[in-house]
């Protein structure tokens, strides 16, 4: 199955951020990317992996600081 390669602007749109954020991820080597000449592309699978690794699941535990309503 072929992977789709996304531009920085496409990644920013998917994440709902400015283009600066994916560029920072690339500069800090926090996401897999491919250089094609001077162009940078991010594989869709790498983006999905990044999102999965940074997804925080709810704990299901209620803190003791909330008061129970009768």
C-alpha atoms as a PDB file:
ATOM      1  CA  UNK A   1       0.000   0.000   0.000  1.00  0.00           C
ATOM      2  CA  UNK A   2       1.503   3.315  -1.086  1.00  0.00           C
ATOM      3  CA  UNK A   3       1.903   6.073   1.461  1.00  0.00           C
ATOM      4  CA  UNK A   4       0.610   9.558   0.693  1.00  0.00           C
ATOM      5  CA  UNK A   5       3.166  12.336   1.194  1.00  0.00           C
ATOM      6  CA  UNK A   6       1.855  15.601   2.613  1.00  0.00           C
ATOM      7  CA  UNK A   7       3.210  19.120   2.359  1.00  0.00           C
ATOM      8  CA  UNK A   8       3.839  21.223   5.440  1.00  0.00           C
ATOM      9  CA  UNK A   9       0.725  23.273   4.722  1.00  0.00           C
ATOM     10  CA  UNK A  10      -1.413  20.120   4.409  1.00  0.00           C
ATOM     11  CA  UNK A  11      -0.084  18.812   7.732  1.00  0.00           C
ATOM     12  CA  UNK A  12      -0.772  22.174   9.388  1.00  0.00           C
ATOM     13  CA  UNK A  13      -4.338  22.109   8.091  1.00  0.00           C
ATOM     14  CA  UNK A  14      -4.914  18.551   9.363  1.00  0.00           C
ATOM     15  CA  UNK A  15      -3.515  19.446  12.791  1.00  0.00           C
ATOM     16  CA  UNK A  16      -5.357  22.764  12.888  1.00  0.00           C
ATOM     17  CA  UNK A  17      -2.172  24.741  13.440  1.00  0.00           C
ATOM     18  CA  UNK A  18      -0.070  27.269  11.598  1.00  0.00           C
ATOM     19  CA  UNK A  19       2.696  26.063   9.266  1.00  0.00           C
ATOM     20  CA  UNK A  20       5.226  27.005  11.908  1.00  0.00           C
ATOM     21  CA  UNK A  21       4.320  24.035  14.129  1.00  0.00           C
ATOM     22  CA  UNK A  22       5.009  21.236  11.600  1.00  0.00           C
ATOM     23  CA  UNK A  23       8.173  23.058  10.528  1.00  0.00           C
ATOM     24  CA  UNK A  24       9.297  23.072  14.169  1.00  0.00           C
ATOM     25  CA  UNK A  25       8.543  19.345  14.449  1.00  0.00           C
ATOM     26  CA  UNK A  26      10.750  18.788  11.409  1.00  0.00           C
ATOM     27  CA  UNK A  27      13.556  21.025  12.698  1.00  0.00           C
ATOM     28  CA  UNK A  28      13.531  19.244  16.073  1.00  0.00           C
ATOM     29  CA  UNK A  29      13.369  15.826  14.346  1.00  0.00           C
ATOM     30  CA  UNK A  30      10.179  14.954  16.250  1.00  0.00           C
ATOM     31  CA  UNK A  31       8.401  13.631  13.144  1.00  0.00           C
ATOM     32  CA  UNK A  32       9.528  11.500  10.216  1.00  0.00           C
ATOM     33  CA  UNK A  33       9.954  13.441   6.988  1.00  0.00           C
ATOM     34  CA  UNK A  34      11.327  13.013   3.484  1.00  0.00           C
ATOM     35  CA  UNK A  35      13.422  15.561   1.626  1.00  0.00           C
ATOM     36  CA  UNK A  36      12.829  15.733  -2.110  1.00  0.00           C
ATOM     37  CA  UNK A  37      15.417  18.198  -3.266  1.00  0.00           C
ATOM     38  CA  UNK A  38      14.650  21.277  -1.211  1.00  0.00           C
ATOM     39  CA  UNK A  39      11.064  20.234  -0.597  1.00  0.00           C
ATOM     40  CA  UNK A  40       9.955  18.516   2.601  1.00  0.00           C
ATOM     41  CA  UNK A  41       7.168  15.944   2.683  1.00  0.00           C
ATOM     42  CA  UNK A  42       5.670  14.098   5.632  1.00  0.00           C
ATOM     43  CA  UNK A  43       4.301  10.596   5.062  1.00  0.00           C
ATOM     44  CA  UNK A  44       0.676  10.268   6.118  1.00  0.00           C
ATOM     45  CA  UNK A  45       1.598   7.216   8.201  1.00  0.00           C
ATOM     46  CA  UNK A  46       4.208   9.278  10.092  1.00  0.00           C
ATOM     47  CA  UNK A  47       1.586  11.934  10.841  1.00  0.00           C
ATOM     48  CA  UNK A  48      -0.835   9.275  12.108  1.00  0.00           C
ATOM     49  CA  UNK A  49       1.938   7.798  14.286  1.00  0.00           C
ATOM     50  CA  UNK A  50       2.757  11.252  15.686  1.00  0.00           C
ATOM     51  CA  UNK A  51      -0.908  11.926  16.471  1.00  0.00           C
ATOM     52  CA  UNK A  52      -1.302   8.508  18.102  1.00  0.00           C
ATOM     53  CA  UNK A  53       1.816   8.944  20.227  1.00  0.00           C
ATOM     54  CA  UNK A  54       0.613  12.335  21.461  1.00  0.00           C
ATOM     55  CA  UNK A  55      -3.014  11.425  22.086  1.00  0.00           C
ATOM     56  CA  UNK A  56      -3.966  11.557  25.756  1.00  0.00           C
ATOM     57  CA  UNK A  57      -6.710   9.170  26.786  1.00  0.00           C
ATOM     58  CA  UNK A  58      -9.075  10.106  29.632  1.00  0.00           C
ATOM     59  CA  UNK A  59      -8.099   8.446  32.888  1.00  0.00           C
ATOM     60  CA  UNK A  60     -11.634   7.747  34.069  1.00  0.00           C
ATOM     61  CA  UNK A  61     -10.522   8.743  37.553  1.00  0.00           C
ATOM     62  CA  UNK A  62     -12.245  11.674  39.164  1.00  0.00           C
ATOM     63  CA  UNK A  63     -10.106  13.824  41.369  1.00  0.00           C
ATOM     64  CA  UNK A  64     -11.078  14.187  44.996  1.00  0.00           C
ATOM     65  CA  UNK A  65     -11.310  17.959  44.671  1.00  0.00           C
ATOM     66  CA  UNK A  66     -14.673  17.914  42.881  1.00  0.00           C
ATOM     67  CA  UNK A  67     -17.710  17.975  45.100  1.00  0.00           C
ATOM     68  CA  UNK A  68     -20.516  15.566  44.387  1.00  0.00           C
ATOM     69  CA  UNK A  69     -23.901  17.161  43.675  1.00  0.00           C
ATOM     70  CA  UNK A  70     -26.859  15.558  45.468  1.00  0.00           C
END
